[in-house]
Amino acid sequence: MSFLDHEYREIITKAVCGKGKKFTQATHHVSPSHRPTSILGCWVINHLYNAKKKSEDTVEVNGSYDINIWYSYNDNTKTEVVTERVTYTDYVPLSVQDDNTLNDDYDVIAKVVQQPNCLECEIAEHGNKIVVDVEREFVVQIIGETKVAVKVDPKGHTYDDDDDWGFDITDGELSDVKPDFVDSKGKD
């Protein structure tokens, strides 16, 4: 197909040129102020992230979140909350990729499928640290310029809102309309 082909036209547009998905489980070791007796609760909050294209087939997602752990200490007589800021880098491989992009100017879109979430929180074997297992999942899309070919209507017909689409009522249809079809008893 050439550009001068009368049946097709090439259109340059932005389109999804790559997709990827990654699920991650991470283990963090948090050091509380006191030796914990028991874990009372664990929350992962304040998730922030950004994404950029790292290589031809990988997107890098850099992020951070806070792990808040409510624990008891001093033989369950006192409680405290320890907060630790965690940073991470996830490399998301592109499982679908279009090699026909026109340039290296890409937009990267990353969406969280699974917000960072605590799977398990327990006191470490030696008792002075807390071990937290966290899961997270991302999908990424690469948006880039590409060409699409469209077939040209050989008649060159364009459609307007004013075009006749054949929805006019014919005289035959109009003669079939029964003006008394509404029951007059149902009126107020």
N, C-alpha and C. Protein backbone atom coordinates (compact mmCIF):
# COMPACT_ATOMS: atom_id res chain seq x y z
N MET A 1 0.85 -1.17 0.00
CA MET A 1 0.00 0.00 0.00
C MET A 1 0.90 1.24 0.00
N SER A 2 0.64 2.15 -0.88
CA SER A 2 1.40 3.39 -0.90
C SER A 2 0.50 4.54 -0.49
N PHE A 3 1.14 5.66 -0.19
CA PHE A 3 0.38 6.83 0.24
C PHE A 3 -0.54 7.32 -0.87
N LEU A 4 -0.16 7.09 -2.13
CA LEU A 4 -0.96 7.57 -3.25
C LEU A 4 -2.07 6.60 -3.63
N ASP A 5 -2.19 5.50 -2.91
CA ASP A 5 -3.25 4.55 -3.17
C ASP A 5 -4.58 5.25 -2.91
N HIS A 6 -5.50 5.16 -3.86
CA HIS A 6 -6.77 5.90 -3.75
C HIS A 6 -7.79 5.19 -2.87
N GLU A 7 -7.55 3.93 -2.52
CA GLU A 7 -8.52 3.22 -1.69
C GLU A 7 -8.25 3.35 -0.20
N TYR A 8 -7.03 3.75 0.18
CA TYR A 8 -6.67 3.83 1.58
C TYR A 8 -6.00 5.16 1.89
N ARG A 9 -6.13 5.59 3.14
CA ARG A 9 -5.43 6.76 3.64
C ARG A 9 -4.75 6.36 4.94
N GLU A 10 -3.58 6.95 5.17
CA GLU A 10 -2.88 6.73 6.43
C GLU A 10 -3.20 7.88 7.37
N ILE A 11 -3.57 7.54 8.59
CA ILE A 11 -3.88 8.54 9.61
C ILE A 11 -2.88 8.35 10.74
N ILE A 12 -2.28 9.44 11.18
CA ILE A 12 -1.37 9.39 12.31
C ILE A 12 -2.19 9.75 13.55
N THR A 13 -2.11 8.88 14.56
CA THR A 13 -2.92 9.08 15.77
C THR A 13 -2.17 8.55 16.98
N LYS A 14 -2.65 8.92 18.16
CA LYS A 14 -2.11 8.33 19.39
C LYS A 14 -2.92 7.08 19.71
N ALA A 15 -2.23 6.05 20.13
CA ALA A 15 -2.89 4.78 20.44
C ALA A 15 -2.09 4.05 21.51
N VAL A 16 -2.72 3.04 22.12
CA VAL A 16 -2.02 2.18 23.08
C VAL A 16 -1.04 1.32 22.29
N CYS A 17 0.24 1.49 22.57
CA CYS A 17 1.29 0.78 21.84
C CYS A 17 1.97 -0.28 22.70
N GLY A 18 1.62 -0.35 23.98
CA GLY A 18 2.21 -1.35 24.85
C GLY A 18 1.38 -1.50 26.11
N LYS A 19 1.34 -2.73 26.65
CA LYS A 19 0.60 -3.01 27.88
C LYS A 19 1.40 -3.98 28.74
N GLY A 20 1.23 -3.85 30.04
CA GLY A 20 1.87 -4.78 30.95
C GLY A 20 1.14 -4.82 32.28
N LYS A 21 1.43 -5.86 33.06
CA LYS A 21 0.79 -6.05 34.36
C LYS A 21 1.78 -6.74 35.28
N LYS A 22 1.81 -6.31 36.55
CA LYS A 22 2.71 -6.97 37.49
C LYS A 22 2.11 -6.99 38.89
N PHE A 23 2.16 -8.16 39.49
CA PHE A 23 1.75 -8.38 40.88
C PHE A 23 3.01 -8.57 41.70
N THR A 24 3.10 -7.89 42.85
CA THR A 24 4.29 -7.97 43.68
C THR A 24 3.90 -8.24 45.13
N GLN A 25 4.66 -9.11 45.78
CA GLN A 25 4.56 -9.30 47.23
C GLN A 25 5.92 -8.92 47.80
N ALA A 26 5.90 -8.12 48.85
CA ALA A 26 7.15 -7.66 49.47
C ALA A 26 7.07 -7.89 50.98
N THR A 27 8.23 -8.15 51.57
CA THR A 27 8.32 -8.32 53.02
C THR A 27 9.14 -7.18 53.60
N HIS A 28 8.60 -6.53 54.64
CA HIS A 28 9.28 -5.41 55.29
C HIS A 28 9.50 -5.74 56.76
N HIS A 29 10.63 -5.27 57.29
CA HIS A 29 10.95 -5.46 58.71
C HIS A 29 10.91 -4.10 59.39
N VAL A 30 9.99 -3.96 60.33
CA VAL A 30 9.77 -2.69 61.02
C VAL A 30 10.31 -2.81 62.44
N SER A 31 11.05 -1.77 62.86
CA SER A 31 11.63 -1.76 64.21
C SER A 31 10.83 -0.83 65.12
N PRO A 32 10.03 -1.39 66.04
CA PRO A 32 9.27 -0.55 66.96
C PRO A 32 10.15 -0.04 68.10
N SER A 33 9.65 0.94 68.84
CA SER A 33 10.39 1.53 69.97
C SER A 33 10.54 0.55 71.13
N HIS A 34 9.54 -0.32 71.29
CA HIS A 34 9.52 -1.28 72.40
C HIS A 34 9.43 -2.70 71.85
N ARG A 35 9.83 -3.64 72.68
CA ARG A 35 9.72 -5.04 72.28
C ARG A 35 8.24 -5.42 72.27
N PRO A 36 7.67 -5.80 71.09
CA PRO A 36 6.23 -6.07 71.02
C PRO A 36 5.82 -7.37 71.71
N THR A 37 4.63 -7.33 72.32
CA THR A 37 4.04 -8.52 72.91
C THR A 37 3.05 -9.15 71.93
N SER A 38 2.22 -8.30 71.29
CA SER A 38 1.26 -8.81 70.30
C SER A 38 0.95 -7.71 69.28
N ILE A 39 0.49 -8.15 68.11
CA ILE A 39 0.10 -7.22 67.04
C ILE A 39 -1.40 -7.00 67.14
N LEU A 40 -1.81 -5.75 67.19
CA LEU A 40 -3.24 -5.42 67.31
C LEU A 40 -3.85 -4.98 65.98
N GLY A 41 -3.01 -4.53 65.04
CA GLY A 41 -3.53 -4.13 63.73
C GLY A 41 -2.41 -3.61 62.85
N CYS A 42 -2.64 -3.67 61.54
CA CYS A 42 -1.65 -3.18 60.58
C CYS A 42 -2.37 -2.60 59.37
N TRP A 43 -1.99 -1.37 58.97
CA TRP A 43 -2.60 -0.70 57.83
C TRP A 43 -1.51 -0.14 56.93
N VAL A 44 -1.78 -0.18 55.65
CA VAL A 44 -0.88 0.43 54.67
C VAL A 44 -1.65 1.62 54.07
N ILE A 45 -1.07 2.83 54.20
CA ILE A 45 -1.77 4.04 53.76
C ILE A 45 -0.79 4.97 53.02
N ASN A 46 -1.34 6.05 52.49
CA ASN A 46 -0.57 7.12 51.84
C ASN A 46 0.28 6.62 50.68
N HIS A 47 -0.32 5.83 49.82
CA HIS A 47 0.39 5.30 48.65
C HIS A 47 0.56 6.37 47.58
N LEU A 48 1.79 6.60 47.15
CA LEU A 48 2.12 7.52 46.07
C LEU A 48 3.01 6.79 45.08
N TYR A 49 2.85 7.10 43.77
CA TYR A 49 3.70 6.43 42.77
C TYR A 49 3.75 7.24 41.50
N ASN A 50 4.76 6.98 40.69
CA ASN A 50 4.85 7.52 39.33
C ASN A 50 5.52 6.47 38.46
N ALA A 51 5.30 6.60 37.15
CA ALA A 51 5.82 5.59 36.23
C ALA A 51 6.49 6.26 35.05
N LYS A 52 7.52 5.59 34.53
CA LYS A 52 8.20 6.06 33.32
C LYS A 52 8.69 4.86 32.53
N LYS A 53 8.83 5.06 31.23
CA LYS A 53 9.34 3.98 30.38
C LYS A 53 10.83 3.85 30.64
N LYS A 54 11.24 2.67 31.06
CA LYS A 54 12.63 2.44 31.43
C LYS A 54 13.46 1.96 30.24
N SER A 55 12.91 1.02 29.50
CA SER A 55 13.60 0.48 28.33
C SER A 55 12.55 0.18 27.27
N GLU A 56 12.97 -0.47 26.21
CA GLU A 56 12.06 -0.76 25.12
C GLU A 56 10.89 -1.62 25.56
N ASP A 57 11.09 -2.49 26.54
CA ASP A 57 10.03 -3.42 26.93
C ASP A 57 9.72 -3.42 28.43
N THR A 58 10.06 -2.32 29.12
CA THR A 58 9.85 -2.27 30.57
C THR A 58 9.42 -0.87 31.02
N VAL A 59 8.47 -0.84 31.96
CA VAL A 59 8.06 0.40 32.62
C VAL A 59 8.51 0.31 34.07
N GLU A 60 9.09 1.39 34.57
CA GLU A 60 9.54 1.46 35.97
C GLU A 60 8.52 2.25 36.77
N VAL A 61 8.01 1.63 37.84
CA VAL A 61 7.07 2.28 38.75
C VAL A 61 7.81 2.51 40.07
N ASN A 62 7.97 3.78 40.45
CA ASN A 62 8.58 4.14 41.73
C ASN A 62 7.48 4.63 42.66
N GLY A 63 7.50 4.14 43.89
CA GLY A 63 6.44 4.54 44.80
C GLY A 63 6.85 4.44 46.25
N SER A 64 5.89 4.83 47.10
CA SER A 64 6.11 4.76 48.54
C SER A 64 4.76 4.63 49.23
N TYR A 65 4.81 4.12 50.45
CA TYR A 65 3.62 4.03 51.29
C TYR A 65 4.05 3.96 52.74
N ASP A 66 3.11 4.23 53.65
CA ASP A 66 3.35 4.16 55.08
C ASP A 66 2.75 2.87 55.62
N ILE A 67 3.54 2.17 56.44
CA ILE A 67 3.03 1.01 57.16
C ILE A 67 2.81 1.45 58.60
N ASN A 68 1.57 1.34 59.07
CA ASN A 68 1.23 1.67 60.45
C ASN A 68 0.89 0.38 61.19
N ILE A 69 1.59 0.14 62.29
CA ILE A 69 1.37 -1.08 63.07
C ILE A 69 1.01 -0.68 64.50
N TRP A 70 -0.15 -1.15 64.93
CA TRP A 70 -0.58 -0.95 66.31
C TRP A 70 -0.21 -2.22 67.06
N TYR A 71 0.58 -2.07 68.10
CA TYR A 71 1.06 -3.25 68.84
C TYR A 71 1.01 -2.98 70.34
N SER A 72 1.01 -4.07 71.10
CA SER A 72 1.08 -3.95 72.56
C SER A 72 2.49 -4.34 73.00
N TYR A 73 2.87 -3.82 74.16
CA TYR A 73 4.18 -4.16 74.72
C TYR A 73 4.06 -4.17 76.24
N ASN A 74 5.15 -4.49 76.91
CA ASN A 74 5.17 -4.55 78.37
C ASN A 74 4.09 -5.52 78.87
N ASP A 75 4.12 -6.76 78.32
CA ASP A 75 3.17 -7.82 78.67
C ASP A 75 1.71 -7.39 78.47
N ASN A 76 1.44 -6.77 77.34
CA ASN A 76 0.09 -6.33 76.95
C ASN A 76 -0.51 -5.29 77.89
N THR A 77 0.33 -4.49 78.52
CA THR A 77 -0.20 -3.45 79.42
C THR A 77 -0.20 -2.08 78.76
N LYS A 78 0.55 -1.91 77.66
CA LYS A 78 0.61 -0.62 76.97
C LYS A 78 0.55 -0.87 75.46
N THR A 79 0.12 0.16 74.72
CA THR A 79 0.06 0.05 73.26
C THR A 79 0.74 1.26 72.62
N GLU A 80 1.10 1.06 71.36
CA GLU A 80 1.74 2.13 70.60
C GLU A 80 1.55 1.84 69.12
N VAL A 81 1.63 2.88 68.30
CA VAL A 81 1.60 2.73 66.85
C VAL A 81 2.96 3.14 66.31
N VAL A 82 3.55 2.26 65.51
CA VAL A 82 4.81 2.58 64.85
C VAL A 82 4.51 2.77 63.37
N THR A 83 5.09 3.81 62.78
CA THR A 83 4.89 4.11 61.35
C THR A 83 6.24 4.07 60.66
N GLU A 84 6.27 3.39 59.52
CA GLU A 84 7.50 3.36 58.74
C GLU A 84 7.16 3.63 57.28
N ARG A 85 7.90 4.58 56.69
CA ARG A 85 7.75 4.91 55.27
C ARG A 85 8.60 3.94 54.45
N VAL A 86 7.98 3.31 53.45
CA VAL A 86 8.64 2.32 52.61
C VAL A 86 8.66 2.84 51.17
N THR A 87 9.79 2.72 50.51
CA THR A 87 9.88 3.06 49.09
C THR A 87 10.11 1.78 48.31
N TYR A 88 9.68 1.77 47.05
CA TYR A 88 9.85 0.58 46.22
C TYR A 88 10.03 0.98 44.76
N THR A 89 10.55 0.06 43.99
CA THR A 89 10.64 0.18 42.54
C THR A 89 10.19 -1.15 41.94
N ASP A 90 9.15 -1.08 41.10
CA ASP A 90 8.67 -2.26 40.39
C ASP A 90 8.98 -2.10 38.91
N TYR A 91 9.49 -3.14 38.29
CA TYR A 91 9.73 -3.13 36.85
C TYR A 91 8.64 -3.97 36.19
N VAL A 92 7.79 -3.31 35.41
CA VAL A 92 6.65 -3.98 34.79
C VAL A 92 7.01 -4.31 33.34
N PRO A 93 7.10 -5.59 33.00
CA PRO A 93 7.41 -5.96 31.61
C PRO A 93 6.20 -5.73 30.71
N LEU A 94 6.45 -5.27 29.50
CA LEU A 94 5.37 -5.07 28.53
C LEU A 94 5.10 -6.39 27.83
N SER A 95 3.93 -6.96 28.07
CA SER A 95 3.58 -8.24 27.47
C SER A 95 3.00 -8.06 26.07
N VAL A 96 2.44 -6.89 25.80
CA VAL A 96 1.93 -6.56 24.46
C VAL A 96 2.66 -5.31 24.02
N GLN A 97 3.21 -5.34 22.81
CA GLN A 97 3.98 -4.19 22.35
C GLN A 97 3.86 -4.05 20.84
N ASP A 98 3.61 -2.82 20.38
CA ASP A 98 3.52 -2.50 18.96
C ASP A 98 4.83 -1.86 18.55
N ASP A 99 5.53 -2.47 17.61
CA ASP A 99 6.82 -1.95 17.17
C ASP A 99 6.69 -0.91 16.08
N ASN A 100 5.47 -0.55 15.71
CA ASN A 100 5.27 0.38 14.60
C ASN A 100 5.00 1.81 15.06
N THR A 101 5.53 2.19 16.20
CA THR A 101 5.34 3.57 16.65
C THR A 101 6.25 4.48 15.84
N LEU A 102 5.87 5.76 15.76
CA LEU A 102 6.57 6.68 14.89
C LEU A 102 7.76 7.37 15.53
N ASN A 103 7.74 7.53 16.84
CA ASN A 103 8.86 8.21 17.51
C ASN A 103 8.99 7.69 18.93
N ASP A 104 9.92 8.25 19.66
CA ASP A 104 10.16 7.81 21.04
C ASP A 104 9.48 8.70 22.07
N ASP A 105 8.49 9.47 21.66
CA ASP A 105 7.76 10.35 22.56
C ASP A 105 6.53 9.60 23.07
N TYR A 106 6.62 9.05 24.28
CA TYR A 106 5.56 8.21 24.83
C TYR A 106 4.93 8.86 26.05
N ASP A 107 3.67 8.54 26.26
CA ASP A 107 3.00 8.82 27.53
C ASP A 107 2.87 7.49 28.25
N VAL A 108 3.12 7.48 29.54
CA VAL A 108 3.02 6.25 30.32
C VAL A 108 1.87 6.42 31.31
N ILE A 109 0.95 5.47 31.29
CA ILE A 109 -0.18 5.47 32.22
C ILE A 109 -0.04 4.24 33.10
N ALA A 110 -0.03 4.45 34.40
CA ALA A 110 0.02 3.34 35.36
C ALA A 110 -1.21 3.43 36.25
N LYS A 111 -1.89 2.32 36.40
CA LYS A 111 -3.07 2.26 37.27
C LYS A 111 -2.88 1.14 38.28
N VAL A 112 -3.33 1.41 39.50
CA VAL A 112 -3.23 0.43 40.57
C VAL A 112 -4.43 -0.52 40.47
N VAL A 113 -4.15 -1.80 40.29
CA VAL A 113 -5.19 -2.82 40.32
C VAL A 113 -5.44 -3.23 41.77
N GLN A 114 -4.36 -3.39 42.53
CA GLN A 114 -4.43 -3.73 43.96
C GLN A 114 -3.57 -2.73 44.72
N GLN A 115 -4.22 -1.86 45.52
CA GLN A 115 -3.48 -0.94 46.37
C GLN A 115 -2.62 -1.75 47.34
N PRO A 116 -1.46 -1.20 47.75
CA PRO A 116 -0.66 -1.93 48.74
C PRO A 116 -1.52 -2.29 49.94
N ASN A 117 -1.45 -3.54 50.31
CA ASN A 117 -2.34 -4.10 51.31
C ASN A 117 -1.56 -5.08 52.19
N CYS A 118 -1.81 -5.05 53.49
CA CYS A 118 -1.14 -5.96 54.41
C CYS A 118 -1.73 -7.36 54.29
N LEU A 119 -0.87 -8.33 53.96
CA LEU A 119 -1.30 -9.72 53.92
C LEU A 119 -1.12 -10.40 55.27
N GLU A 120 0.03 -10.10 55.92
CA GLU A 120 0.33 -10.71 57.21
C GLU A 120 1.26 -9.79 57.99
N CYS A 121 1.07 -9.75 59.29
CA CYS A 121 1.89 -8.93 60.17
C CYS A 121 2.14 -9.75 61.44
N GLU A 122 3.43 -10.02 61.72
CA GLU A 122 3.74 -10.85 62.88
C GLU A 122 5.05 -10.42 63.51
N ILE A 123 5.22 -10.80 64.75
CA ILE A 123 6.46 -10.50 65.47
C ILE A 123 7.55 -11.44 64.97
N ALA A 124 8.72 -10.89 64.68
CA ALA A 124 9.84 -11.70 64.18
C ALA A 124 10.28 -12.70 65.23
N GLU A 125 11.02 -13.69 64.79
CA GLU A 125 11.45 -14.79 65.65
C GLU A 125 12.21 -14.30 66.89
N HIS A 126 13.07 -13.32 66.73
CA HIS A 126 13.86 -12.84 67.87
C HIS A 126 13.10 -11.83 68.72
N GLY A 127 11.90 -11.42 68.28
CA GLY A 127 11.02 -10.63 69.11
C GLY A 127 11.23 -9.13 69.12
N ASN A 128 12.24 -8.61 68.45
CA ASN A 128 12.46 -7.17 68.52
C ASN A 128 12.01 -6.44 67.25
N LYS A 129 11.60 -7.17 66.23
CA LYS A 129 11.12 -6.56 64.99
C LYS A 129 9.77 -7.13 64.61
N ILE A 130 9.09 -6.40 63.71
CA ILE A 130 7.80 -6.85 63.20
C ILE A 130 7.95 -7.07 61.69
N VAL A 131 7.50 -8.22 61.23
CA VAL A 131 7.59 -8.59 59.82
C VAL A 131 6.22 -8.38 59.17
N VAL A 132 6.21 -7.59 58.06
CA VAL A 132 4.95 -7.27 57.37
C VAL A 132 5.06 -7.71 55.91
N ASP A 133 4.09 -8.51 55.47
CA ASP A 133 4.00 -8.91 54.07
C ASP A 133 2.94 -8.03 53.39
N VAL A 134 3.33 -7.40 52.28
CA VAL A 134 2.46 -6.47 51.57
C VAL A 134 2.34 -6.92 50.12
N GLU A 135 1.13 -6.78 49.55
CA GLU A 135 0.92 -7.06 48.13
C GLU A 135 0.51 -5.78 47.41
N ARG A 136 0.81 -5.71 46.10
CA ARG A 136 0.38 -4.60 45.25
C ARG A 136 0.39 -5.09 43.82
N GLU A 137 -0.41 -4.41 42.96
CA GLU A 137 -0.45 -4.81 41.55
C GLU A 137 -0.74 -3.59 40.68
N PHE A 138 -0.04 -3.52 39.55
CA PHE A 138 -0.17 -2.43 38.60
C PHE A 138 -0.46 -2.96 37.21
N VAL A 139 -1.19 -2.16 36.43
CA VAL A 139 -1.24 -2.32 34.98
C VAL A 139 -0.69 -1.03 34.38
N VAL A 140 0.04 -1.16 33.29
CA VAL A 140 0.62 0.01 32.64
C VAL A 140 0.26 -0.02 31.16
N GLN A 141 0.17 1.18 30.59
CA GLN A 141 -0.06 1.33 29.16
C GLN A 141 0.92 2.37 28.63
N ILE A 142 1.43 2.11 27.43
CA ILE A 142 2.28 3.06 26.73
C ILE A 142 1.45 3.65 25.60
N ILE A 143 1.33 4.97 25.58
CA ILE A 143 0.58 5.66 24.53
C ILE A 143 1.60 6.34 23.62
N GLY A 144 1.53 6.05 22.33
CA GLY A 144 2.47 6.64 21.38
C GLY A 144 1.81 6.92 20.05
N GLU A 145 2.52 7.62 19.19
CA GLU A 145 2.00 7.92 17.86
C GLU A 145 2.22 6.72 16.95
N THR A 146 1.19 6.41 16.16
CA THR A 146 1.26 5.30 15.22
C THR A 146 0.43 5.65 13.99
N LYS A 147 0.55 4.85 12.95
CA LYS A 147 -0.23 5.05 11.74
C LYS A 147 -1.31 3.97 11.66
N VAL A 148 -2.48 4.38 11.21
CA VAL A 148 -3.53 3.43 10.89
C VAL A 148 -3.97 3.69 9.46
N ALA A 149 -4.33 2.65 8.75
CA ALA A 149 -4.81 2.79 7.38
C ALA A 149 -6.32 2.63 7.40
N VAL A 150 -7.01 3.53 6.69
CA VAL A 150 -8.46 3.46 6.60
C VAL A 150 -8.85 3.38 5.14
N LYS A 151 -9.88 2.61 4.88
CA LYS A 151 -10.37 2.48 3.51
C LYS A 151 -11.23 3.70 3.19
N VAL A 152 -11.01 4.25 2.01
CA VAL A 152 -11.75 5.42 1.56
C VAL A 152 -13.00 4.94 0.82
N ASP A 153 -14.14 5.59 1.08
CA ASP A 153 -15.38 5.27 0.38
C ASP A 153 -15.21 5.65 -1.09
N PRO A 154 -15.30 4.69 -2.01
CA PRO A 154 -15.05 5.00 -3.42
C PRO A 154 -16.03 6.01 -4.00
N LYS A 155 -17.22 6.13 -3.39
CA LYS A 155 -18.19 7.11 -3.88
C LYS A 155 -17.90 8.49 -3.31
N GLY A 156 -17.01 8.55 -2.31
CA GLY A 156 -16.68 9.83 -1.71
C GLY A 156 -17.83 10.43 -0.93
N HIS A 157 -18.76 9.60 -0.48
CA HIS A 157 -19.93 10.10 0.23
C HIS A 157 -19.58 10.48 1.66
N THR A 158 -20.01 11.63 2.09
CA THR A 158 -19.86 12.05 3.48
C THR A 158 -21.25 12.12 4.10
N TYR A 159 -21.30 11.91 5.39
CA TYR A 159 -22.58 11.90 6.08
C TYR A 159 -22.68 13.12 6.98
N ASP A 160 -23.80 13.82 6.85
CA ASP A 160 -24.09 14.97 7.71
C ASP A 160 -25.31 14.64 8.55
N ASP A 161 -25.56 15.49 9.52
CA ASP A 161 -26.78 15.32 10.31
C ASP A 161 -28.01 15.57 9.43
N ASP A 162 -27.83 16.36 8.35
CA ASP A 162 -28.95 16.70 7.49
C ASP A 162 -29.22 15.63 6.44
N ASP A 163 -28.36 14.63 6.32
CA ASP A 163 -28.57 13.61 5.31
C ASP A 163 -29.85 12.83 5.58
N ASP A 164 -30.46 12.38 4.52
CA ASP A 164 -31.69 11.59 4.61
C ASP A 164 -31.29 10.14 4.92
N TRP A 165 -31.66 9.66 6.07
CA TRP A 165 -31.34 8.30 6.47
C TRP A 165 -32.50 7.34 6.20
N GLY A 166 -33.55 7.85 5.55
CA GLY A 166 -34.67 6.97 5.19
C GLY A 166 -35.62 6.70 6.32
N PHE A 167 -35.71 7.60 7.28
CA PHE A 167 -36.62 7.41 8.41
C PHE A 167 -37.89 8.24 8.29
N ASP A 168 -38.15 8.83 7.11
CA ASP A 168 -39.37 9.61 6.93
C ASP A 168 -40.57 8.67 6.90
N ILE A 169 -41.71 9.17 7.33
CA ILE A 169 -42.95 8.39 7.31
C ILE A 169 -43.53 8.48 5.91
N THR A 170 -43.85 7.31 5.37
CA THR A 170 -44.44 7.30 4.02
C THR A 170 -45.94 7.52 4.13
N ASP A 171 -46.58 7.83 2.99
CA ASP A 171 -48.03 8.04 2.97
C ASP A 171 -48.76 6.77 3.40
N GLY A 172 -48.23 5.61 3.02
CA GLY A 172 -48.86 4.35 3.40
C GLY A 172 -48.82 4.13 4.91
N GLU A 173 -47.69 4.46 5.53
CA GLU A 173 -47.57 4.33 6.99
C GLU A 173 -48.48 5.33 7.70
N LEU A 174 -48.60 6.53 7.14
CA LEU A 174 -49.43 7.56 7.73
C LEU A 174 -50.90 7.19 7.68
N SER A 175 -51.32 6.52 6.61
CA SER A 175 -52.73 6.13 6.49
C SER A 175 -53.07 5.01 7.47
N ASP A 176 -52.04 4.26 7.95
CA ASP A 176 -52.29 3.18 8.91
C ASP A 176 -52.41 3.67 10.35
N VAL A 177 -52.12 4.95 10.61
CA VAL A 177 -52.20 5.50 11.97
C VAL A 177 -53.66 5.63 12.36
N LYS A 178 -54.01 5.08 13.53
CA LYS A 178 -55.39 5.15 14.03
C LYS A 178 -55.45 6.24 15.09
N PRO A 179 -56.12 7.35 14.80
CA PRO A 179 -56.14 8.48 15.74
C PRO A 179 -56.87 8.18 17.04
N ASP A 180 -57.72 7.17 17.09
CA ASP A 180 -58.50 6.88 18.29
C ASP A 180 -57.92 5.71 19.09
N PHE A 181 -56.64 5.44 18.93
CA PHE A 181 -56.07 4.28 19.64
C PHE A 181 -55.95 4.51 21.12
N VAL A 182 -55.96 5.74 21.61
CA VAL A 182 -55.91 6.03 23.03
C VAL A 182 -57.32 6.00 23.56
N ASP A 183 -57.50 5.24 24.64
CA ASP A 183 -58.83 5.10 25.24
C ASP A 183 -59.20 6.41 25.94
N SER A 184 -60.27 7.00 25.55
CA SER A 184 -60.67 8.28 26.12
C SER A 184 -61.13 8.15 27.56
N LYS A 185 -61.48 6.94 28.05
CA LYS A 185 -61.90 6.74 29.44
C LYS A 185 -60.75 6.89 30.41
N GLY A 186 -59.51 6.67 29.93
CA GLY A 186 -58.34 6.76 30.80
C GLY A 186 -57.90 8.18 31.04
N LYS A 187 -58.51 9.15 30.37
CA LYS A 187 -58.10 10.56 30.53
C LYS A 187 -58.74 11.16 31.77
N ASP A 188 -58.06 12.11 32.39
CA ASP A 188 -58.61 12.80 33.58
C ASP A 188 -59.61 13.86 33.19
